[in-house]
PDB file of N, CA and C in Angstrom:
ATOM      1  N   MET A   1      21.374  17.732 -13.797  1.00  0.00           N
ATOM      2  CA  MET A   1      21.056  16.361 -14.572  1.00  0.00           C
ATOM      3  C   MET A   1      19.506  16.619 -15.036  1.00  0.00           C
ATOM      4  N   ASN A   2      19.170  16.311 -16.272  1.00  0.00           N
ATOM      5  CA  ASN A   2      17.788  16.357 -16.582  1.00  0.00           C
ATOM      6  C   ASN A   2      16.927  15.011 -15.961  1.00  0.00           C
ATOM      7  N   SER A   3      15.721  15.039 -16.140  1.00  0.00           N
ATOM      8  CA  SER A   3      14.965  14.070 -15.437  1.00  0.00           C
ATOM      9  C   SER A   3      14.873  12.821 -16.386  1.00  0.00           C
ATOM     10  N   ASN A   4      15.445  12.987 -17.600  1.00  0.00           N
ATOM     11  CA  ASN A   4      15.504  11.742 -18.510  1.00  0.00           C
ATOM     12  C   ASN A   4      16.956  10.876 -18.354  1.00  0.00           C
ATOM     13  N   THR A   5      17.999  11.399 -17.695  1.00  0.00           N
ATOM     14  CA  THR A   5      19.155  10.914 -17.462  1.00  0.00           C
ATOM     15  C   THR A   5      19.150   9.563 -16.597  1.00  0.00           C
ATOM     16  N   VAL A   6      19.711   8.450 -17.114  1.00  0.00           N
ATOM     17  CA  VAL A   6      19.683   7.310 -16.351  1.00  0.00           C
ATOM     18  C   VAL A   6      21.066   6.978 -15.877  1.00  0.00           C
ATOM     19  N   ILE A   7      20.952   6.796 -14.245  1.00  0.00           N
ATOM     20  CA  ILE A   7      22.417   6.560 -13.683  1.00  0.00           C
ATOM     21  C   ILE A   7      22.634   5.036 -13.998  1.00  0.00           C
ATOM     22  N   ARG A   8      24.010   4.724 -14.393  1.00  0.00           N
ATOM     23  CA  ARG A   8      24.182   3.285 -14.468  1.00  0.00           C
ATOM     24  C   ARG A   8      25.470   3.115 -13.671  1.00  0.00           C
ATOM     25  N   PHE A   9      25.674   1.945 -12.997  1.00  0.00           N
ATOM     26  CA  PHE A   9      26.870   1.464 -12.321  1.00  0.00           C
ATOM     27  C   PHE A   9      27.502   0.439 -13.146  1.00  0.00           C
ATOM     28  N   SER A  10      28.851   0.376 -13.123  1.00  0.00           N
ATOM     29  CA  SER A  10      29.609  -0.580 -13.716  1.00  0.00           C
ATOM     30  C   SER A  10      29.740  -1.740 -12.903  1.00  0.00           C
ATOM     31  N   ARG A  11      29.863  -3.006 -13.064  1.00  0.00           N
ATOM     32  CA  ARG A  11      29.748  -4.134 -12.182  1.00  0.00           C
ATOM     33  C   ARG A  11      30.219  -5.262 -13.081  1.00  0.00           C
ATOM     34  N   SER A  12      31.015  -6.159 -12.258  1.00  0.00           N
ATOM     35  CA  SER A  12      31.520  -7.503 -12.955  1.00  0.00           C
ATOM     36  C   SER A  12      30.604  -8.445 -12.635  1.00  0.00           C
ATOM     37  N   CYS A  13      30.155  -9.358 -13.517  1.00  0.00           N
ATOM     38  CA  CYS A  13      29.306 -10.580 -13.314  1.00  0.00           C
ATOM     39  C   CYS A  13      30.115 -11.387 -12.196  1.00  0.00           C
ATOM     40  N   PRO A  14      29.661 -11.847 -10.976  1.00  0.00           N
ATOM     41  CA  PRO A  14      30.128 -12.586 -10.101  1.00  0.00           C
ATOM     42  C   PRO A  14      30.507 -14.043 -10.616  1.00  0.00           C
ATOM     43  N   THR A  15      29.955 -14.543 -11.888  1.00  0.00           N
ATOM     44  CA  THR A  15      30.012 -15.773 -12.311  1.00  0.00           C
ATOM     45  C   THR A  15      31.085 -15.806 -13.562  1.00  0.00           C
ATOM     46  N   CYS A  16      30.942 -15.085 -14.448  1.00  0.00           N
ATOM     47  CA  CYS A  16      31.851 -14.961 -15.623  1.00  0.00           C
ATOM     48  C   CYS A  16      32.948 -13.888 -15.361  1.00  0.00           C
ATOM     49  N   GLY A  17      32.688 -12.756 -14.751  1.00  0.00           N
ATOM     50  CA  GLY A  17      33.544 -11.637 -14.593  1.00  0.00           C
ATOM     51  C   GLY A  17      33.362 -10.696 -15.703  1.00  0.00           C
ATOM     52  N   ARG A  18      32.573 -10.864 -16.504  1.00  0.00           N
ATOM     53  CA  ARG A  18      32.471  -9.637 -17.543  1.00  0.00           C
ATOM     54  C   ARG A  18      31.797  -8.575 -17.164  1.00  0.00           C
ATOM     55  N   ARG A  19      32.232  -7.296 -17.633  1.00  0.00           N
ATOM     56  CA  ARG A  19      31.734  -6.110 -17.091  1.00  0.00           C
ATOM     57  C   ARG A  19      30.603  -5.832 -17.467  1.00  0.00           C
ATOM     58  N   MET A  20      29.610  -5.173 -16.874  1.00  0.00           N
ATOM     59  CA  MET A  20      28.220  -4.587 -17.426  1.00  0.00           C
ATOM     60  C   MET A  20      27.857  -3.583 -16.761  1.00  0.00           C
ATOM     61  N   LYS A  21      26.887  -2.660 -17.338  1.00  0.00           N
ATOM     62  CA  LYS A  21      26.529  -1.527 -16.698  1.00  0.00           C
ATOM     63  C   LYS A  21      24.811  -1.848 -16.141  1.00  0.00           C
ATOM     64  N   ILE A  22      24.760  -1.631 -14.783  1.00  0.00           N
ATOM     65  CA  ILE A  22      23.419  -1.700 -14.144  1.00  0.00           C
ATOM     66  C   ILE A  22      22.742  -0.555 -13.853  1.00  0.00           C
ATOM     67  N   GLU A  23      21.530  -0.370 -14.466  1.00  0.00           N
ATOM     68  CA  GLU A  23      20.782   0.835 -14.033  1.00  0.00           C
ATOM     69  C   GLU A  23      20.712   1.072 -12.538  1.00  0.00           C
ATOM     70  N   SER A  24      20.565   2.059 -12.159  1.00  0.00           N
ATOM     71  CA  SER A  24      20.334   2.441 -10.657  1.00  0.00           C
ATOM     72  C   SER A  24      19.020   1.945 -10.146  1.00  0.00           C
ATOM     73  N   SER A  25      18.018   1.947 -11.024  1.00  0.00           N
ATOM     74  CA  SER A  25      16.703   1.417 -10.542  1.00  0.00           C
ATOM     75  C   SER A  25      16.720  -0.059 -10.338  1.00  0.00           C
ATOM     76  N   LEU A  26      17.592  -0.810 -10.829  1.00  0.00           N
ATOM     77  CA  LEU A  26      17.860  -2.087 -10.716  1.00  0.00           C
ATOM     78  C   LEU A  26      18.783  -2.660  -9.393  1.00  0.00           C
ATOM     79  N   LEU A  27      19.008  -1.738  -8.621  1.00  0.00           N
ATOM     80  CA  LEU A  27      19.983  -1.780  -7.454  1.00  0.00           C
ATOM     81  C   LEU A  27      19.080  -2.684  -6.443  1.00  0.00           C
ATOM     82  N   GLY A  28      19.746  -3.725  -5.937  1.00  0.00           N
ATOM     83  CA  GLY A  28      19.021  -4.440  -4.769  1.00  0.00           C
ATOM     84  C   GLY A  28      18.037  -5.286  -5.353  1.00  0.00           C
ATOM     85  N   ARG A  29      17.910  -5.476  -6.681  1.00  0.00           N
ATOM     86  CA  ARG A  29      17.006  -6.509  -7.277  1.00  0.00           C
ATOM     87  C   ARG A  29      17.920  -7.634  -7.924  1.00  0.00           C
ATOM     88  N   VAL A  30      17.448  -8.950  -8.165  1.00  0.00           N
ATOM     89  CA  VAL A  30      18.062  -9.823  -8.834  1.00  0.00           C
ATOM     90  C   VAL A  30      18.014  -9.676 -10.362  1.00  0.00           C
ATOM     91  N   VAL A  31      19.396  -9.650 -11.055  1.00  0.00           N
ATOM     92  CA  VAL A  31      19.416  -9.474 -12.509  1.00  0.00           C
ATOM     93  C   VAL A  31      20.087 -10.540 -13.084  1.00  0.00           C
ATOM     94  N   ALA A  32      20.208 -10.706 -14.178  1.00  0.00           N
ATOM     95  CA  ALA A  32      21.001 -11.905 -14.913  1.00  0.00           C
ATOM     96  C   ALA A  32      21.886 -11.075 -15.880  1.00  0.00           C
ATOM     97  N   CYS A  33      23.001 -11.906 -15.868  1.00  0.00           N
ATOM     98  CA  CYS A  33      24.160 -11.397 -16.799  1.00  0.00           C
ATOM     99  C   CYS A  33      23.605 -11.781 -18.024  1.00  0.00           C
ATOM    100  N   ARG A  34      23.945 -10.824 -19.107  1.00  0.00           N
ATOM    101  CA  ARG A  34      23.494 -11.158 -20.584  1.00  0.00           C
ATOM    102  C   ARG A  34      24.412 -12.177 -21.260  1.00  0.00           C
ATOM    103  N   HIS A  35      25.684 -12.222 -20.598  1.00  0.00           N
ATOM    104  CA  HIS A  35      26.611 -13.201 -21.270  1.00  0.00           C
ATOM    105  C   HIS A  35      26.389 -14.673 -20.903  1.00  0.00           C
ATOM    106  N   CYS A  36      26.575 -14.789 -19.592  1.00  0.00           N
ATOM    107  CA  CYS A  36      26.394 -16.229 -18.980  1.00  0.00           C
ATOM    108  C   CYS A  36      25.050 -16.763 -18.407  1.00  0.00           C
ATOM    109  N   LYS A  37      24.160 -15.606 -18.220  1.00  0.00           N
ATOM    110  CA  LYS A  37      22.800 -15.926 -17.847  1.00  0.00           C
ATOM    111  C   LYS A  37      22.665 -16.081 -16.258  1.00  0.00           C
ATOM    112  N   ALA A  38      24.042 -15.970 -15.495  1.00  0.00           N
ATOM    113  CA  ALA A  38      23.923 -16.197 -14.099  1.00  0.00           C
ATOM    114  C   ALA A  38      23.147 -14.998 -13.437  1.00  0.00           C
ATOM    115  N   GLU A  39      22.503 -15.370 -12.392  1.00  0.00           N
ATOM    116  CA  GLU A  39      21.506 -14.330 -11.647  1.00  0.00           C
ATOM    117  C   GLU A  39      22.311 -14.024 -10.422  1.00  0.00           C
ATOM    118  N   PHE A  40      22.201 -12.705 -10.129  1.00  0.00           N
ATOM    119  CA  PHE A  40      22.989 -12.131  -8.769  1.00  0.00           C
ATOM    120  C   PHE A  40      22.237 -10.729  -8.341  1.00  0.00           C
ATOM    121  N   THR A  41      22.402 -10.422  -7.185  1.00  0.00           N
ATOM    122  CA  THR A  41      21.676  -9.125  -6.764  1.00  0.00           C
ATOM    123  C   THR A  41      22.724  -8.179  -7.205  1.00  0.00           C
ATOM    124  N   ALA A  42      21.899  -7.040  -7.881  1.00  0.00           N
ATOM    125  CA  ALA A  42      22.619  -5.767  -8.401  1.00  0.00           C
ATOM    126  C   ALA A  42      23.170  -4.946  -7.384  1.00  0.00           C
ATOM    127  N   MET A  43      24.328  -4.603  -7.319  1.00  0.00           N
ATOM    128  CA  MET A  43      24.917  -3.723  -6.452  1.00  0.00           C
ATOM    129  C   MET A  43      25.719  -2.672  -7.034  1.00  0.00           C
ATOM    130  N   ALA A  44      25.893  -1.593  -6.471  1.00  0.00           N
ATOM    131  CA  ALA A  44      26.868  -0.339  -7.055  1.00  0.00           C
ATOM    132  C   ALA A  44      28.295  -0.566  -7.138  1.00  0.00           C
ATOM    133  N   CYS A  45      28.874  -1.553  -6.537  1.00  0.00           N
ATOM    134  CA  CYS A  45      30.201  -1.803  -6.399  1.00  0.00           C
ATOM    135  C   CYS A  45      30.643  -3.128  -6.495  1.00  0.00           C
ATOM    136  N   ASP A  46      31.844  -3.465  -6.924  1.00  0.00           N
ATOM    137  CA  ASP A  46      32.460  -4.784  -6.685  1.00  0.00           C
ATOM    138  C   ASP A  46      33.136  -4.731  -5.550  1.00  0.00           C
ATOM    139  N   ASP A  47      32.915  -6.024  -4.775  1.00  0.00           N
ATOM    140  CA  ASP A  47      33.756  -6.244  -3.615  1.00  0.00           C
ATOM    141  C   ASP A  47      34.324  -7.454  -3.817  1.00  0.00           C
ATOM    142  N   GLY A  48      35.448  -7.468  -2.913  1.00  0.00           N
ATOM    143  CA  GLY A  48      36.103  -8.765  -2.881  1.00  0.00           C
ATOM    144  C   GLY A  48      35.466 -10.072  -2.051  1.00  0.00           C
ATOM    145  N   ALA A  49      34.304  -9.716  -1.236  1.00  0.00           N
ATOM    146  CA  ALA A  49      33.661 -10.620  -0.660  1.00  0.00           C
ATOM    147  C   ALA A  49      33.102 -11.651  -1.406  1.00  0.00           C
ATOM    148  N   GLY A  50      33.219 -12.924  -0.906  1.00  0.00           N
ATOM    149  CA  GLY A  50      32.417 -14.044  -1.610  1.00  0.00           C
ATOM    150  C   GLY A  50      33.287 -14.564  -2.829  1.00  0.00           C
ATOM    151  N   GLN A  51      34.557 -14.324  -2.886  1.00  0.00           N
ATOM    152  CA  GLN A  51      35.217 -14.822  -4.102  1.00  0.00           C
ATOM    153  C   GLN A  51      35.306 -16.452  -4.039  1.00  0.00           C
ATOM    154  N   PHE A  52      35.370 -17.094  -2.988  1.00  0.00           N
ATOM    155  CA  PHE A  52      35.337 -18.376  -2.947  1.00  0.00           C
ATOM    156  C   PHE A  52      34.009 -19.073  -3.438  1.00  0.00           C
ATOM    157  N   ASP A  53      33.042 -18.434  -2.915  1.00  0.00           N
ATOM    158  CA  ASP A  53      31.696 -18.773  -3.317  1.00  0.00           C
ATOM    159  C   ASP A  53      31.287 -18.448  -4.727  1.00  0.00           C
ATOM    160  N   ASP A  54      31.784 -17.330  -5.194  1.00  0.00           N
ATOM    161  CA  ASP A  54      31.817 -17.225  -6.789  1.00  0.00           C
ATOM    162  C   ASP A  54      32.476 -18.095  -7.496  1.00  0.00           C
ATOM    163  N   ALA A  55      33.672 -18.627  -7.028  1.00  0.00           N
ATOM    164  CA  ALA A  55      34.501 -19.576  -7.812  1.00  0.00           C
ATOM    165  C   ALA A  55      33.794 -20.919  -7.784  1.00  0.00           C
ATOM    166  N   GLN A  56      33.087 -21.288  -6.723  1.00  0.00           N
ATOM    167  CA  GLN A  56      32.307 -22.585  -6.506  1.00  0.00           C
ATOM    168  C   GLN A  56      31.040 -22.555  -7.418  1.00  0.00           C
ATOM    169  N   ARG A  57      30.475 -21.412  -7.477  1.00  0.00           N
ATOM    170  CA  ARG A  57      29.455 -21.256  -8.394  1.00  0.00           C
ATOM    171  C   ARG A  57      29.687 -21.398  -9.861  1.00  0.00           C
ATOM    172  N   LEU A  58      30.870 -20.714 -10.115  1.00  0.00           N
ATOM    173  CA  LEU A  58      31.498 -20.982 -11.540  1.00  0.00           C
ATOM    174  C   LEU A  58      31.524 -22.491 -11.897  1.00  0.00           C
ATOM    175  N   MET A  59      32.217 -23.350 -11.069  1.00  0.00           N
ATOM    176  CA  MET A  59      32.752 -24.654 -11.318  1.00  0.00           C
ATOM    177  C   MET A  59      31.343 -25.350 -11.317  1.00  0.00           C
ATOM    178  N   GLU A  60      30.300 -25.214 -10.726  1.00  0.00           N
ATOM    179  CA  GLU A  60      29.130 -25.979 -10.707  1.00  0.00           C
ATOM    180  C   GLU A  60      28.368 -25.616 -11.909  1.00  0.00           C
ATOM    181  N   ARG A  61      28.452 -24.246 -12.257  1.00  0.00           N
ATOM    182  CA  ARG A  61      27.875 -23.944 -13.683  1.00  0.00           C
ATOM    183  C   ARG A  61      28.525 -24.577 -14.844  1.00  0.00           C
ATOM    184  N   VAL A  62      29.890 -24.617 -14.852  1.00  0.00           N
ATOM    185  CA  VAL A  62      30.728 -25.483 -15.797  1.00  0.00           C
ATOM    186  C   VAL A  62      30.257 -26.790 -15.820  1.00  0.00           C
ATOM    187  N   ASP A  63      30.178 -27.499 -14.575  1.00  0.00           N
ATOM    188  CA  ASP A  63      29.973 -28.876 -14.555  1.00  0.00           C
ATOM    189  C   ASP A  63      28.366 -29.109 -15.166  1.00  0.00           C
ATOM    190  N   SER A  64      27.652 -28.174 -14.843  1.00  0.00           N
ATOM    191  CA  SER A  64      26.173 -28.407 -15.391  1.00  0.00           C
ATOM    192  C   SER A  64      26.144 -28.256 -16.891  1.00  0.00           C
ATOM    193  N   MET A  65      26.814 -27.247 -17.396  1.00  0.00           N
ATOM    194  CA  MET A  65      26.887 -27.111 -18.829  1.00  0.00           C
ATOM    195  C   MET A  65      27.537 -28.220 -19.569  1.00  0.00           C
ATOM    196  N   LEU A  66      28.745 -28.683 -19.079  1.00  0.00           N
ATOM    197  CA  LEU A  66      29.361 -29.836 -19.621  1.00  0.00           C
ATOM    198  C   LEU A  66      28.678 -31.279 -19.548  1.00  0.00           C
ATOM    199  N   SER A  67      27.774 -31.401 -18.502  1.00  0.00           N
ATOM    200  CA  SER A  67      27.052 -32.626 -18.408  1.00  0.00           C
ATOM    201  C   SER A  67      25.893 -32.540 -19.398  1.00  0.00           C
ATOM    202  N   GLN A  68      25.349 -31.435 -19.648  1.00  0.00           N
ATOM    203  CA  GLN A  68      24.321 -31.083 -20.659  1.00  0.00           C
ATOM    204  C   GLN A  68      24.705 -31.351 -22.067  1.00  0.00           C
ATOM    205  N   SER A  69      25.881 -30.850 -22.150  1.00  0.00           N
ATOM    206  CA  SER A  69      26.414 -31.040 -23.671  1.00  0.00           C
ATOM    207  C   SER A  69      27.118 -32.574 -24.104  1.00  0.00           C
ATOM    208  N   LEU A  70      27.301 -33.343 -23.114  1.00  0.00           N
ATOM    209  CA  LEU A  70      27.876 -34.551 -23.422  1.00  0.00           C
ATOM    210  C   LEU A  70      26.896 -35.361 -23.982  1.00  0.00           C
ATOM    211  N   PRO A  71      27.270 -36.159 -25.117  1.00  0.00           N
ATOM    212  CA  PRO A  71      26.337 -37.047 -25.634  1.00  0.00           C
ATOM    213  C   PRO A  71      25.882 -38.220 -24.792  1.00  0.00           C
ATOM    214  N   LYS A  72      24.563 -38.545 -24.896  1.00  0.00           N
ATOM    215  CA  LYS A  72      24.084 -39.421 -23.954  1.00  0.00           C
ATOM    216  C   LYS A  72      24.593 -40.792 -24.339  1.00  0.00           C
ATOM    217  N   GLU A  73      25.048 -41.138 -25.586  1.00  0.00           N
ATOM    218  CA  GLU A  73      25.609 -42.381 -25.911  1.00  0.00           C
ATOM    219  C   GLU A  73      26.858 -42.787 -25.097  1.00  0.00           C
ATOM    220  N   LEU A  74      27.370 -41.741 -24.483  1.00  0.00           N
ATOM    221  CA  LEU A  74      28.870 -42.066 -23.722  1.00  0.00           C
ATOM    222  C   LEU A  74      28.374 -42.648 -22.436  1.00  0.00           C
ATOM    223  N   GLY A  75      27.131 -42.568 -22.102  1.00  0.00           N
ATOM    224  CA  GLY A  75      26.777 -43.137 -20.768  1.00  0.00           C
ATOM    225  C   GLY A  75      27.102 -42.356 -19.552  1.00  0.00           C
ATOM    226  N   VAL A  76      27.424 -41.012 -19.919  1.00  0.00           N
ATOM    227  CA  VAL A  76      27.693 -40.051 -18.840  1.00  0.00           C
ATOM    228  C   VAL A  76      26.271 -39.697 -18.165  1.00  0.00           C
ATOM    229  N   ASN A  77      26.229 -39.757 -16.807  1.00  0.00           N
ATOM    230  CA  ASN A  77      25.015 -39.304 -16.202  1.00  0.00           C
ATOM    231  C   ASN A  77      25.201 -37.881 -15.615  1.00  0.00           C
ATOM    232  N   ALA A  78      24.384 -36.944 -15.843  1.00  0.00           N
ATOM    233  CA  ALA A  78      24.380 -35.622 -15.152  1.00  0.00           C
ATOM    234  C   ALA A  78      24.152 -35.648 -13.744  1.00  0.00           C
ATOM    235  N   THR A  79      24.864 -34.976 -13.016  1.00  0.00           N
ATOM    236  CA  THR A  79      24.623 -35.026 -11.485  1.00  0.00           C
ATOM    237  C   THR A  79      24.137 -33.740 -11.067  1.00  0.00           C
TER     238      THR A  79
END
């Protein structure tokens, strides 16, 4: 391998599930998904741990995005 080779790991975003490639230099650091902008710690592998937490974060993100997009005239308060 030459010194200019960049090693990348394939990983799913824990929030939206979109696959992405993460450079090895970013492992262990907080990164953001380019698709949904969710932040998570970059790891080399996908694991099943935290699936409930991931689903809960996704629902909270959906609720937040919906509350921001609703017209204020409807009288809907963001929580």
